[in-house]
Protein backbone atom coordinates (compact mmCIF):
# COMPACT_ATOMS: atom_id res chain seq x y z
CA UNK A 1 -3.26 -36.37 11.88
CA UNK A 2 -3.68 -32.90 10.35
CA UNK A 3 -4.75 -31.34 13.66
CA UNK A 4 -1.74 -32.90 15.42
CA UNK A 5 0.54 -31.19 12.87
CA UNK A 6 -1.21 -27.87 13.49
CA UNK A 7 -0.93 -28.21 17.27
CA UNK A 8 2.75 -29.07 16.92
CA UNK A 9 3.42 -26.01 14.77
CA UNK A 10 1.64 -23.66 17.18
CA UNK A 11 3.32 -25.11 20.27
CA UNK A 12 6.72 -25.10 18.57
CA UNK A 13 6.32 -21.41 17.77
CA UNK A 14 5.21 -20.75 21.36
CA UNK A 15 8.26 -22.61 22.69
CA UNK A 16 10.60 -20.74 20.33
CA UNK A 17 9.04 -17.47 21.46
CA UNK A 18 9.73 -18.33 25.09
CA UNK A 19 13.33 -19.36 24.31
CA UNK A 20 13.99 -16.16 22.36
CA UNK A 21 12.36 -14.11 25.13
CA UNK A 22 14.63 -15.74 27.73
CA UNK A 23 17.70 -14.94 25.63
CA UNK A 24 16.84 -11.27 25.17
CA UNK A 25 18.73 -8.83 27.42
CA UNK A 26 15.44 -7.12 28.31
CA UNK A 27 12.04 -8.32 29.46
CA UNK A 28 9.72 -9.10 26.54
CA UNK A 29 6.77 -11.51 26.59
CA UNK A 30 7.44 -14.82 24.88
CA UNK A 31 3.87 -14.95 23.62
CA UNK A 32 4.39 -11.72 21.67
CA UNK A 33 7.63 -13.07 20.22
CA UNK A 34 5.75 -16.23 19.20
CA UNK A 35 3.04 -14.18 17.47
CA UNK A 36 5.71 -12.20 15.63
CA UNK A 37 7.35 -15.47 14.59
CA UNK A 38 3.98 -16.72 13.31
CA UNK A 39 3.43 -13.47 11.44
CA UNK A 40 6.88 -13.73 9.90
CA UNK A 41 6.34 -17.35 8.87
CA UNK A 42 2.97 -16.53 7.30
CA UNK A 43 4.28 -13.38 5.58
CA UNK A 44 7.27 -15.18 4.04
CA UNK A 45 5.15 -18.18 2.98
CA UNK A 46 7.20 -20.43 5.23
CA UNK A 47 3.79 -21.44 6.61
CA UNK A 48 0.45 -21.34 4.87
CA UNK A 49 -2.69 -20.30 6.71
CA UNK A 50 -4.02 -23.84 6.20
CA UNK A 51 -1.09 -25.13 8.29
CA UNK A 52 -2.54 -23.58 11.46
CA UNK A 53 -6.14 -22.56 10.68
CA UNK A 54 -7.87 -25.59 12.24
CA UNK A 55 -6.20 -25.30 15.63
CA UNK A 56 -6.28 -21.49 15.56
CA UNK A 57 -10.02 -21.63 14.88
CA UNK A 58 -10.48 -23.97 17.83
CA UNK A 59 -8.55 -21.60 20.11
CA UNK A 60 -10.56 -18.60 18.92
CA UNK A 61 -13.85 -20.42 19.36
CA UNK A 62 -12.93 -21.30 22.95
CA UNK A 63 -11.19 -18.06 23.89
CA UNK A 64 -13.57 -17.31 26.76
CA UNK A 65 -12.36 -20.46 28.51
CA UNK A 66 -8.85 -18.96 28.78
CA UNK A 67 -10.16 -15.96 30.77
CA UNK A 68 -11.57 -18.11 33.59
CA UNK A 69 -8.28 -18.35 35.57
CA UNK A 70 -7.81 -14.58 35.42
CA UNK A 71 -11.38 -14.00 36.59
CA UNK A 72 -10.97 -16.45 39.47
CA UNK A 73 -7.73 -14.73 40.50
CA UNK A 74 -9.46 -11.36 40.57
CA UNK A 75 -12.27 -12.74 42.71
CA UNK A 76 -9.74 -14.44 44.97
CA UNK A 77 -7.86 -11.13 45.43
CA UNK A 78 -10.98 -8.99 45.80
CA UNK A 79 -10.15 -8.15 49.41
CA UNK A 80 -6.86 -6.59 48.35
CA UNK A 81 -8.39 -4.45 45.59
CA UNK A 82 -11.77 -3.48 47.04
CA UNK A 83 -10.45 -0.17 48.42
CA UNK A 84 -9.14 0.79 44.98
CA UNK A 85 -12.09 -0.52 42.98
CA UNK A 86 -13.26 2.87 41.67
CA UNK A 87 -9.84 3.93 40.30
CA UNK A 88 -9.37 0.49 38.75
CA UNK A 89 -12.75 0.65 37.03
CA UNK A 90 -12.00 4.21 35.85
CA UNK A 91 -8.73 3.04 34.29
CA UNK A 92 -10.51 0.10 32.62
CA UNK A 93 -13.23 2.32 31.13
CA UNK A 94 -10.79 5.05 30.07
CA UNK A 95 -8.33 2.62 28.47
CA UNK A 96 -11.20 0.89 26.64
CA UNK A 97 -12.43 4.21 25.23
CA UNK A 98 -8.89 5.24 24.19
CA UNK A 99 -8.31 1.85 22.55
CA UNK A 100 -11.59 2.10 20.63
CA UNK A 101 -10.78 5.64 19.49
CA UNK A 102 -7.25 4.75 18.37
CA UNK A 103 -8.49 1.62 16.59
CA UNK A 104 -11.20 3.59 14.79
CA UNK A 105 -8.73 6.31 13.84
CA UNK A 106 -6.26 3.72 12.55
CA UNK A 107 -8.95 2.10 10.41
CA UNK A 108 -9.97 5.48 8.96
CA UNK A 109 -6.34 6.33 8.21
CA UNK A 110 -5.64 2.98 6.57
CA UNK A 111 -8.85 3.24 4.52
CA UNK A 112 -7.86 6.72 3.28
CA UNK A 113 -4.35 5.51 2.43
CA UNK A 114 -5.74 2.52 0.55
CA UNK A 115 -8.16 4.70 -1.43
CA UNK A 116 -5.34 7.13 -2.24
CA UNK A 117 -3.09 4.23 -3.31
CA UNK A 118 -5.74 2.65 -5.53
CA UNK A 119 -6.48 6.01 -7.19
CA UNK A 120 -2.90 6.19 -8.50
């Protein structure tokens, strides 16, 4: 029964995210709204991590399964993208390197700020 409660909470937040996204006057992904709602609920102690951890762990453990449809779509559309394959791969590699550099820089900055804050 506990897992059913967790699934209900996650799906309710996903549904609310989609509803809020549809009501916004600009395009914004409902999944991002749902994650922000979850963050807000966890930050304000409206939800405890135990309220969603079981189902969230299951989703994380099976994350690769959710990439299968995207991979099949790419293979299905290969004829349309084969002429632009090199630029697409260049963008993928470049964006991955930029993301890694920004993430590393953010971690270094946060670590320095935390050390400076704990020294006070």
